[in-house]
Amino acid sequence: HDYVRASDDRARLSASDEAAIHELLARRLTAKIAREFDTADAVRDELRKVGVEVIDRDKLWRVVRPQALPSAAAPHPPPRPAAIPAAPPGGDRGGGVLPALVPGVPYEQQHDYR
């Protein structure tokens, strides 16, 4: 593609974000050349969704919302803890299973007080 980044764009980009932007710009240009305008519009919308503005008249692009870029996304939540194995049968109140204590969960919330 022949789009260049606007000279006044000061947003910091990771190499992977910039490569992804260039890939989308190339896909969009290829679609426009093939007169697949619905596809070109969909790619433009995808660029907008990640915070990139395209100025076709000047063949420029710029980041308008850096927080929308993939590298700015919140980190993945920590993995959920593995299931806590049940205690052997024969616990309190006649044959029930003793619940295991779960760190960070109040004791009252771990037991059935019916």
Foldseek 3Di string as FASTA:
>chain_A
DPAEADPPAPDDDDPVLVVVVVVLVVQLVVCVVVVVNVSNVVSCVVCVQQQKHADVVVSYIHGHDNCSTPVNDDDDDDDDDDDDDWADFDDPPGGDIDFDDDPPDDPVVRDDPD
